Amino acid sequence: MEVCCSAVCAVLQYGLKSVAKTSPGEFVRQVRQEASKIVWPSGRETMVTAVMVIIMTTLLGLFFFGTDTFFGWVVSMLLSLATGK
């Protein structure tokens, strides 16, 4: 455990000194440059994805409803056997 702590301390002590300092203006320039690389989906792609999400969540909801209903029935049957009703 002490080895890990000393290794982390060494990285923090010496590693932070080698980090290049960036001015706020340079940072904003880099952010704008990276933001210009973003490719937004088209309206059609967005609609197709939204419809697929709705379909899949509906199917999963029905599946889990059916599974829950089935296991609820199984548990009630087991409990009725255990109580003798």
PDB file of N, CA and C in Angstrom:
ATOM      1  N   MET A   1       0.822  -1.190   0.000  1.00  0.00           N
ATOM      2  CA  MET A   1       0.000   0.000   0.000  1.00  0.00           C
ATOM      3  C   MET A   1       0.867   1.256   0.000  1.00  0.00           C
ATOM      4  N   GLU A   2       1.981   1.212   0.729  1.00  0.00           N
ATOM      5  CA  GLU A   2       2.849   2.378   0.784  1.00  0.00           C
ATOM      6  C   GLU A   2       3.509   2.642  -0.564  1.00  0.00           C
ATOM      7  N   VAL A   3       3.785   1.573  -1.321  1.00  0.00           N
ATOM      8  CA  VAL A   3       4.400   1.739  -2.637  1.00  0.00           C
ATOM      9  C   VAL A   3       3.458   2.506  -3.552  1.00  0.00           C
ATOM     10  N   CYS A   4       2.184   2.139  -3.522  1.00  0.00           N
ATOM     11  CA  CYS A   4       1.208   2.833  -4.360  1.00  0.00           C
ATOM     12  C   CYS A   4       1.094   4.294  -3.972  1.00  0.00           C
ATOM     13  N   CYS A   5       1.062   4.553  -2.675  1.00  0.00           N
ATOM     14  CA  CYS A   5       0.943   5.933  -2.220  1.00  0.00           C
ATOM     15  C   CYS A   5       2.155   6.757  -2.625  1.00  0.00           C
ATOM     16  N   SER A   6       3.352   6.163  -2.505  1.00  0.00           N
ATOM     17  CA  SER A   6       4.543   6.912  -2.878  1.00  0.00           C
ATOM     18  C   SER A   6       4.602   7.123  -4.387  1.00  0.00           C
ATOM     19  N   ALA A   7       4.095   6.162  -5.165  1.00  0.00           N
ATOM     20  CA  ALA A   7       4.072   6.330  -6.616  1.00  0.00           C
ATOM     21  C   ALA A   7       3.113   7.442  -7.010  1.00  0.00           C
ATOM     22  N   VAL A   8       1.964   7.478  -6.364  1.00  0.00           N
ATOM     23  CA  VAL A   8       0.994   8.543  -6.651  1.00  0.00           C
ATOM     24  C   VAL A   8       1.573   9.888  -6.262  1.00  0.00           C
ATOM     25  N   CYS A   9       2.229   9.934  -5.113  1.00  0.00           N
ATOM     26  CA  CYS A   9       2.848  11.192  -4.678  1.00  0.00           C
ATOM     27  C   CYS A   9       3.919  11.658  -5.663  1.00  0.00           C
ATOM     28  N   ALA A  10       4.707  10.720  -6.182  1.00  0.00           N
ATOM     29  CA  ALA A  10       5.751  11.076  -7.139  1.00  0.00           C
ATOM     30  C   ALA A  10       5.139  11.620  -8.426  1.00  0.00           C
ATOM     31  N   VAL A  11       4.062  10.976  -8.899  1.00  0.00           N
ATOM     32  CA  VAL A  11       3.409  11.464 -10.113  1.00  0.00           C
ATOM     33  C   VAL A  11       2.840  12.845  -9.883  1.00  0.00           C
ATOM     34  N   LEU A  12       2.195  13.033  -8.743  1.00  0.00           N
ATOM     35  CA  LEU A  12       1.634  14.349  -8.454  1.00  0.00           C
ATOM     36  C   LEU A  12       2.719  15.406  -8.305  1.00  0.00           C
ATOM     37  N   GLN A  13       3.822  15.031  -7.668  1.00  0.00           N
ATOM     38  CA  GLN A  13       4.878  16.000  -7.426  1.00  0.00           C
ATOM     39  C   GLN A  13       5.618  16.373  -8.706  1.00  0.00           C
ATOM     40  N   TYR A  14       6.007  15.379  -9.500  1.00  0.00           N
ATOM     41  CA  TYR A  14       6.822  15.651 -10.675  1.00  0.00           C
ATOM     42  C   TYR A  14       5.993  15.781 -11.949  1.00  0.00           C
ATOM     43  N   GLY A  15       4.869  15.085 -11.990  1.00  0.00           N
ATOM     44  CA  GLY A  15       4.049  15.116 -13.196  1.00  0.00           C
ATOM     45  C   GLY A  15       3.383  16.455 -13.427  1.00  0.00           C
ATOM     46  N   LEU A  16       2.966  17.098 -12.360  1.00  0.00           N
ATOM     47  CA  LEU A  16       2.284  18.371 -12.512  1.00  0.00           C
ATOM     48  C   LEU A  16       3.224  19.477 -12.965  1.00  0.00           C
ATOM     49  N   LYS A  17       4.516  19.332 -12.680  1.00  0.00           N
ATOM     50  CA  LYS A  17       5.466  20.357 -13.106  1.00  0.00           C
ATOM     51  C   LYS A  17       5.671  20.335 -14.612  1.00  0.00           C
ATOM     52  N   SER A  18       5.429  19.176 -15.248  1.00  0.00           N
ATOM     53  CA  SER A  18       5.664  19.081 -16.680  1.00  0.00           C
ATOM     54  C   SER A  18       4.426  19.425 -17.506  1.00  0.00           C
ATOM     55  N   VAL A  19       3.319  19.765 -16.842  1.00  0.00           N
ATOM     56  CA  VAL A  19       2.103  20.112 -17.570  1.00  0.00           C
ATOM     57  C   VAL A  19       2.258  21.516 -18.145  1.00  0.00           C
ATOM     58  N   ALA A  20       1.955  21.633 -19.431  1.00  0.00           N
ATOM     59  CA  ALA A  20       2.091  22.927 -20.092  1.00  0.00           C
ATOM     60  C   ALA A  20       0.963  23.845 -19.647  1.00  0.00           C
ATOM     61  N   LYS A  21       1.285  25.084 -19.422  1.00  0.00           N
ATOM     62  CA  LYS A  21       0.287  26.080 -19.045  1.00  0.00           C
ATOM     63  C   LYS A  21      -0.349  26.640 -20.312  1.00  0.00           C
ATOM     64  N   THR A  22      -1.665  26.763 -20.290  1.00  0.00           N
ATOM     65  CA  THR A  22      -2.398  27.287 -21.443  1.00  0.00           C
ATOM     66  C   THR A  22      -3.089  28.571 -21.022  1.00  0.00           C
ATOM     67  N   SER A  23      -2.937  29.591 -21.836  1.00  0.00           N
ATOM     68  CA  SER A  23      -3.588  30.859 -21.522  1.00  0.00           C
ATOM     69  C   SER A  23      -5.089  30.742 -21.791  1.00  0.00           C
ATOM     70  N   PRO A  24      -5.896  31.572 -21.158  1.00  0.00           N
ATOM     71  CA  PRO A  24      -7.344  31.517 -21.397  1.00  0.00           C
ATOM     72  C   PRO A  24      -7.719  31.726 -22.867  1.00  0.00           C
ATOM     73  N   GLY A  25      -7.011  32.603 -23.541  1.00  0.00           N
ATOM     74  CA  GLY A  25      -7.280  32.835 -24.958  1.00  0.00           C
ATOM     75  C   GLY A  25      -6.988  31.604 -25.800  1.00  0.00           C
ATOM     76  N   GLU A  26      -5.874  30.937 -25.517  1.00  0.00           N
ATOM     77  CA  GLU A  26      -5.503  29.710 -26.230  1.00  0.00           C
ATOM     78  C   GLU A  26      -6.523  28.608 -25.946  1.00  0.00           C
ATOM     79  N   PHE A  27      -6.971  28.533 -24.687  1.00  0.00           N
ATOM     80  CA  PHE A  27      -7.973  27.534 -24.314  1.00  0.00           C
ATOM     81  C   PHE A  27      -9.259  27.739 -25.108  1.00  0.00           C
ATOM     82  N   VAL A  28      -9.729  28.966 -25.198  1.00  0.00           N
ATOM     83  CA  VAL A  28     -10.962  29.260 -25.949  1.00  0.00           C
ATOM     84  C   VAL A  28     -10.771  28.916 -27.418  1.00  0.00           C
ATOM     85  N   ARG A  29      -9.613  29.213 -27.971  1.00  0.00           N
ATOM     86  CA  ARG A  29      -9.339  28.877 -29.368  1.00  0.00           C
ATOM     87  C   ARG A  29      -9.395  27.373 -29.582  1.00  0.00           C
ATOM     88  N   GLN A  30      -8.801  26.606 -28.669  1.00  0.00           N
ATOM     89  CA  GLN A  30      -8.818  25.156 -28.779  1.00  0.00           C
ATOM     90  C   GLN A  30     -10.236  24.597 -28.657  1.00  0.00           C
ATOM     91  N   VAL A  31     -11.018  25.189 -27.762  1.00  0.00           N
ATOM     92  CA  VAL A  31     -12.407  24.740 -27.603  1.00  0.00           C
ATOM     93  C   VAL A  31     -13.195  24.996 -28.879  1.00  0.00           C
ATOM     94  N   ARG A  32     -13.044  26.159 -29.474  1.00  0.00           N
ATOM     95  CA  ARG A  32     -13.750  26.473 -30.726  1.00  0.00           C
ATOM     96  C   ARG A  32     -13.304  25.539 -31.850  1.00  0.00           C
ATOM     97  N   GLN A  33     -12.023  25.232 -31.901  1.00  0.00           N
ATOM     98  CA  GLN A  33     -11.502  24.341 -32.926  1.00  0.00           C
ATOM     99  C   GLN A  33     -12.098  22.942 -32.772  1.00  0.00           C
ATOM    100  N   GLU A  34     -12.164  22.442 -31.547  1.00  0.00           N
ATOM    101  CA  GLU A  34     -12.753  21.116 -31.315  1.00  0.00           C
ATOM    102  C   GLU A  34     -14.256  21.128 -31.573  1.00  0.00           C
ATOM    103  N   ALA A  35     -14.922  22.202 -31.193  1.00  0.00           N
ATOM    104  CA  ALA A  35     -16.372  22.295 -31.403  1.00  0.00           C
ATOM    105  C   ALA A  35     -16.716  22.335 -32.888  1.00  0.00           C
ATOM    106  N   SER A  36     -15.810  22.847 -33.707  1.00  0.00           N
ATOM    107  CA  SER A  36     -16.074  22.894 -35.145  1.00  0.00           C
ATOM    108  C   SER A  36     -16.029  21.508 -35.776  1.00  0.00           C
ATOM    109  N   LYS A  37     -15.468  20.526 -35.076  1.00  0.00           N
ATOM    110  CA  LYS A  37     -15.380  19.155 -35.597  1.00  0.00           C
ATOM    111  C   LYS A  37     -16.649  18.347 -35.344  1.00  0.00           C
ATOM    112  N   ILE A  38     -17.587  18.895 -34.568  1.00  0.00           N
ATOM    113  CA  ILE A  38     -18.812  18.168 -34.235  1.00  0.00           C
ATOM    114  C   ILE A  38     -19.675  18.019 -35.482  1.00  0.00           C
ATOM    115  N   VAL A  39     -20.159  16.798 -35.705  1.00  0.00           N
ATOM    116  CA  VAL A  39     -21.066  16.542 -36.826  1.00  0.00           C
ATOM    117  C   VAL A  39     -22.434  16.246 -36.233  1.00  0.00           C
ATOM    118  N   TRP A  40     -23.399  17.123 -36.477  1.00  0.00           N
ATOM    119  CA  TRP A  40     -24.734  16.968 -35.931  1.00  0.00           C
ATOM    120  C   TRP A  40     -25.559  16.064 -36.834  1.00  0.00           C
ATOM    121  N   PRO A  41     -26.446  15.250 -36.245  1.00  0.00           N
ATOM    122  CA  PRO A  41     -27.297  14.395 -37.078  1.00  0.00           C
ATOM    123  C   PRO A  41     -28.344  15.231 -37.806  1.00  0.00           C
ATOM    124  N   SER A  42     -28.795  14.696 -38.935  1.00  0.00           N
ATOM    125  CA  SER A  42     -29.839  15.392 -39.681  1.00  0.00           C
ATOM    126  C   SER A  42     -31.176  15.215 -38.968  1.00  0.00           C
ATOM    127  N   GLY A  43     -32.177  15.951 -39.413  1.00  0.00           N
ATOM    128  CA  GLY A  43     -33.507  15.833 -38.826  1.00  0.00           C
ATOM    129  C   GLY A  43     -34.074  14.433 -39.005  1.00  0.00           C
ATOM    130  N   ARG A  44     -33.826  13.845 -40.186  1.00  0.00           N
ATOM    131  CA  ARG A  44     -34.320  12.492 -40.461  1.00  0.00           C
ATOM    132  C   ARG A  44     -33.660  11.472 -39.545  1.00  0.00           C
ATOM    133  N   GLU A  45     -32.340  11.584 -39.360  1.00  0.00           N
ATOM    134  CA  GLU A  45     -31.636  10.672 -38.465  1.00  0.00           C
ATOM    135  C   GLU A  45     -32.163  10.785 -37.030  1.00  0.00           C
ATOM    136  N   THR A  46     -32.451  12.006 -36.610  1.00  0.00           N
ATOM    137  CA  THR A  46     -32.981  12.224 -35.268  1.00  0.00           C
ATOM    138  C   THR A  46     -34.351  11.576 -35.117  1.00  0.00           C
ATOM    139  N   MET A  47     -35.218  11.735 -36.119  1.00  0.00           N
ATOM    140  CA  MET A  47     -36.557  11.146 -36.054  1.00  0.00           C
ATOM    141  C   MET A  47     -36.494   9.622 -36.063  1.00  0.00           C
ATOM    142  N   VAL A  48     -35.653   9.043 -36.914  1.00  0.00           N
ATOM    143  CA  VAL A  48     -35.528   7.585 -36.981  1.00  0.00           C
ATOM    144  C   VAL A  48     -35.025   7.045 -35.647  1.00  0.00           C
ATOM    145  N   THR A  49     -34.049   7.706 -35.064  1.00  0.00           N
ATOM    146  CA  THR A  49     -33.519   7.273 -33.779  1.00  0.00           C
ATOM    147  C   THR A  49     -34.584   7.386 -32.696  1.00  0.00           C
ATOM    148  N   ALA A  50     -35.339   8.473 -32.677  1.00  0.00           N
ATOM    149  CA  ALA A  50     -36.387   8.654 -31.670  1.00  0.00           C
ATOM    150  C   ALA A  50     -37.458   7.578 -31.797  1.00  0.00           C
ATOM    151  N   VAL A  51     -37.862   7.257 -33.028  1.00  0.00           N
ATOM    152  CA  VAL A  51     -38.873   6.221 -33.242  1.00  0.00           C
ATOM    153  C   VAL A  51     -38.349   4.863 -32.787  1.00  0.00           C
ATOM    154  N   MET A  52     -37.095   4.568 -33.094  1.00  0.00           N
ATOM    155  CA  MET A  52     -36.512   3.294 -32.663  1.00  0.00           C
ATOM    156  C   MET A  52     -36.447   3.204 -31.141  1.00  0.00           C
ATOM    157  N   VAL A  53     -36.131   4.291 -30.473  1.00  0.00           N
ATOM    158  CA  VAL A  53     -36.083   4.296 -29.010  1.00  0.00           C
ATOM    159  C   VAL A  53     -37.474   4.038 -28.446  1.00  0.00           C
ATOM    160  N   ILE A  54     -38.493   4.667 -29.027  1.00  0.00           N
ATOM    161  CA  ILE A  54     -39.865   4.465 -28.559  1.00  0.00           C
ATOM    162  C   ILE A  54     -40.295   3.016 -28.767  1.00  0.00           C
ATOM    163  N   ILE A  55     -39.988   2.452 -29.931  1.00  0.00           N
ATOM    164  CA  ILE A  55     -40.351   1.060 -30.211  1.00  0.00           C
ATOM    165  C   ILE A  55     -39.651   0.107 -29.246  1.00  0.00           C
ATOM    166  N   MET A  56     -38.349   0.293 -29.055  1.00  0.00           N
ATOM    167  CA  MET A  56     -37.598  -0.616 -28.189  1.00  0.00           C
ATOM    168  C   MET A  56     -38.033  -0.503 -26.728  1.00  0.00           C
ATOM    169  N   THR A  57     -38.294   0.706 -26.243  1.00  0.00           N
ATOM    170  CA  THR A  57     -38.738   0.845 -24.856  1.00  0.00           C
ATOM    171  C   THR A  57     -40.125   0.251 -24.665  1.00  0.00           C
ATOM    172  N   THR A  58     -40.987   0.355 -25.683  1.00  0.00           N
ATOM    173  CA  THR A  58     -42.313  -0.264 -25.604  1.00  0.00           C
ATOM    174  C   THR A  58     -42.184  -1.781 -25.553  1.00  0.00           C
ATOM    175  N   LEU A  59     -41.353  -2.345 -26.441  1.00  0.00           N
ATOM    176  CA  LEU A  59     -41.161  -3.793 -26.440  1.00  0.00           C
ATOM    177  C   LEU A  59     -40.568  -4.288 -25.120  1.00  0.00           C
ATOM    178  N   LEU A  60     -39.567  -3.581 -24.612  1.00  0.00           N
ATOM    179  CA  LEU A  60     -38.971  -3.979 -23.338  1.00  0.00           C
ATOM    180  C   LEU A  60     -39.963  -3.834 -22.191  1.00  0.00           C
ATOM    181  N   GLY A  61     -40.776  -2.790 -22.225  1.00  0.00           N
ATOM    182  CA  GLY A  61     -41.796  -2.612 -21.198  1.00  0.00           C
ATOM    183  C   GLY A  61     -42.788  -3.758 -21.203  1.00  0.00           C
ATOM    184  N   LEU A  62     -43.234  -4.163 -22.402  1.00  0.00           N
ATOM    185  CA  LEU A  62     -44.160  -5.297 -22.504  1.00  0.00           C
ATOM    186  C   LEU A  62     -43.507  -6.589 -22.042  1.00  0.00           C
ATOM    187  N   PHE A  63     -42.254  -6.786 -22.411  1.00  0.00           N
ATOM    188  CA  PHE A  63     -41.533  -7.982 -21.984  1.00  0.00           C
ATOM    189  C   PHE A  63     -41.436  -8.061 -20.469  1.00  0.00           C
ATOM    190  N   PHE A  64     -41.009  -6.960 -19.835  1.00  0.00           N
ATOM    191  CA  PHE A  64     -40.860  -6.980 -18.384  1.00  0.00           C
ATOM    192  C   PHE A  64     -42.210  -7.049 -17.679  1.00  0.00           C
ATOM    193  N   PHE A  65     -43.254  -6.462 -18.266  1.00  0.00           N
ATOM    194  CA  PHE A  65     -44.588  -6.597 -17.699  1.00  0.00           C
ATOM    195  C   PHE A  65     -45.018  -8.062 -17.719  1.00  0.00           C
ATOM    196  N   GLY A  66     -44.793  -8.731 -18.850  1.00  0.00           N
ATOM    197  CA  GLY A  66     -45.143 -10.142 -18.962  1.00  0.00           C
ATOM    198  C   GLY A  66     -44.332 -11.005 -18.014  1.00  0.00           C
ATOM    199  N   THR A  67     -43.049 -10.741 -17.919  1.00  0.00           N
ATOM    200  CA  THR A  67     -42.183 -11.504 -17.014  1.00  0.00           C
ATOM    201  C   THR A  67     -42.605 -11.299 -15.563  1.00  0.00           C
ATOM    202  N   ASP A  68     -42.891 -10.068 -15.196  1.00  0.00           N
ATOM    203  CA  ASP A  68     -43.310  -9.764 -13.830  1.00  0.00           C
ATOM    204  C   ASP A  68     -44.652 -10.423 -13.518  1.00  0.00           C
ATOM    205  N   THR A  69     -45.572 -10.384 -14.470  1.00  0.00           N
ATOM    206  CA  THR A  69     -46.873 -11.023 -14.281  1.00  0.00           C
ATOM    207  C   THR A  69     -46.711 -12.528 -14.106  1.00  0.00           C
ATOM    208  N   PHE A  70     -45.886 -13.141 -14.934  1.00  0.00           N
ATOM    209  CA  PHE A  70     -45.664 -14.581 -14.844  1.00  0.00           C
ATOM    210  C   PHE A  70     -45.069 -14.967 -13.494  1.00  0.00           C
ATOM    211  N   PHE A  71     -44.010 -14.273 -13.079  1.00  0.00           N
ATOM    212  CA  PHE A  71     -43.377 -14.617 -11.811  1.00  0.00           C
ATOM    213  C   PHE A  71     -44.285 -14.289 -10.625  1.00  0.00           C
ATOM    214  N   GLY A  72     -45.107 -13.260 -10.751  1.00  0.00           N
ATOM    215  CA  GLY A  72     -46.090 -12.982  -9.702  1.00  0.00           C
ATOM    216  C   GLY A  72     -47.082 -14.113  -9.570  1.00  0.00           C
ATOM    217  N   TRP A  73     -47.515 -14.655 -10.708  1.00  0.00           N
ATOM    218  CA  TRP A  73     -48.431 -15.796 -10.703  1.00  0.00           C
ATOM    219  C   TRP A  73     -47.761 -17.020 -10.077  1.00  0.00           C
ATOM    220  N   VAL A  74     -46.496 -17.285 -10.442  1.00  0.00           N
ATOM    221  CA  VAL A  74     -45.766 -18.419  -9.883  1.00  0.00           C
ATOM    222  C   VAL A  74     -45.641 -18.278  -8.363  1.00  0.00           C
ATOM    223  N   VAL A  75     -45.299 -17.097  -7.891  1.00  0.00           N
ATOM    224  CA  VAL A  75     -45.138 -16.881  -6.450  1.00  0.00           C
ATOM    225  C   VAL A  75     -46.476 -17.052  -5.736  1.00  0.00           C
ATOM    226  N   SER A  76     -47.550 -16.520  -6.316  1.00  0.00           N
ATOM    227  CA  SER A  76     -48.854 -16.684  -5.660  1.00  0.00           C
ATOM    228  C   SER A  76     -49.271 -18.154  -5.629  1.00  0.00           C
ATOM    229  N   MET A  77     -48.961 -18.927  -6.667  1.00  0.00           N
ATOM    230  CA  MET A  77     -49.253 -20.349  -6.667  1.00  0.00           C
ATOM    231  C   MET A  77     -48.447 -21.079  -5.581  1.00  0.00           C
ATOM    232  N   LEU A  78     -47.173 -20.743  -5.476  1.00  0.00           N
ATOM    233  CA  LEU A  78     -46.342 -21.372  -4.453  1.00  0.00           C
ATOM    234  C   LEU A  78     -46.817 -21.017  -3.052  1.00  0.00           C
ATOM    235  N   LEU A  79     -47.212 -19.766  -2.860  1.00  0.00           N
ATOM    236  CA  LEU A  79     -47.712 -19.349  -1.548  1.00  0.00           C
ATOM    237  C   LEU A  79     -49.047 -20.024  -1.231  1.00  0.00           C
ATOM    238  N   SER A  80     -49.895 -20.192  -2.248  1.00  0.00           N
ATOM    239  CA  SER A  80     -51.173 -20.857  -1.986  1.00  0.00           C
ATOM    240  C   SER A  80     -50.937 -22.341  -1.672  1.00  0.00           C
ATOM    241  N   LEU A  81     -49.940 -22.962  -2.285  1.00  0.00           N
ATOM    242  CA  LEU A  81     -49.605 -24.353  -1.942  1.00  0.00           C
ATOM    243  C   LEU A  81     -49.053 -24.450  -0.529  1.00  0.00           C
ATOM    244  N   ALA A  82     -48.248 -23.457  -0.135  1.00  0.00           N
ATOM    245  CA  ALA A  82     -47.627 -23.488   1.184  1.00  0.00           C
ATOM    246  C   ALA A  82     -48.658 -23.247   2.289  1.00  0.00           C
ATOM    247  N   THR A  83     -49.655 -22.408   2.022  1.00  0.00           N
ATOM    248  CA  THR A  83     -50.657 -22.128   3.043  1.00  0.00           C
ATOM    249  C   THR A  83     -51.811 -23.113   3.005  1.00  0.00           C
ATOM    250  N   GLY A  84     -51.951 -23.855   1.921  1.00  0.00           N
ATOM    251  CA  GLY A  84     -53.000 -24.872   1.808  1.00  0.00           C
ATOM    252  C   GLY A  84     -54.348 -24.316   1.400  1.00  0.00           C
ATOM    253  N   LYS A  85     -54.384 -23.155   0.794  1.00  0.00           N
ATOM    254  CA  LYS A  85     -55.647 -22.551   0.362  1.00  0.00           C
ATOM    255  C   LYS A  85     -55.970 -22.895  -1.065  1.00  0.00           C
TER     256      LYS A  85
END
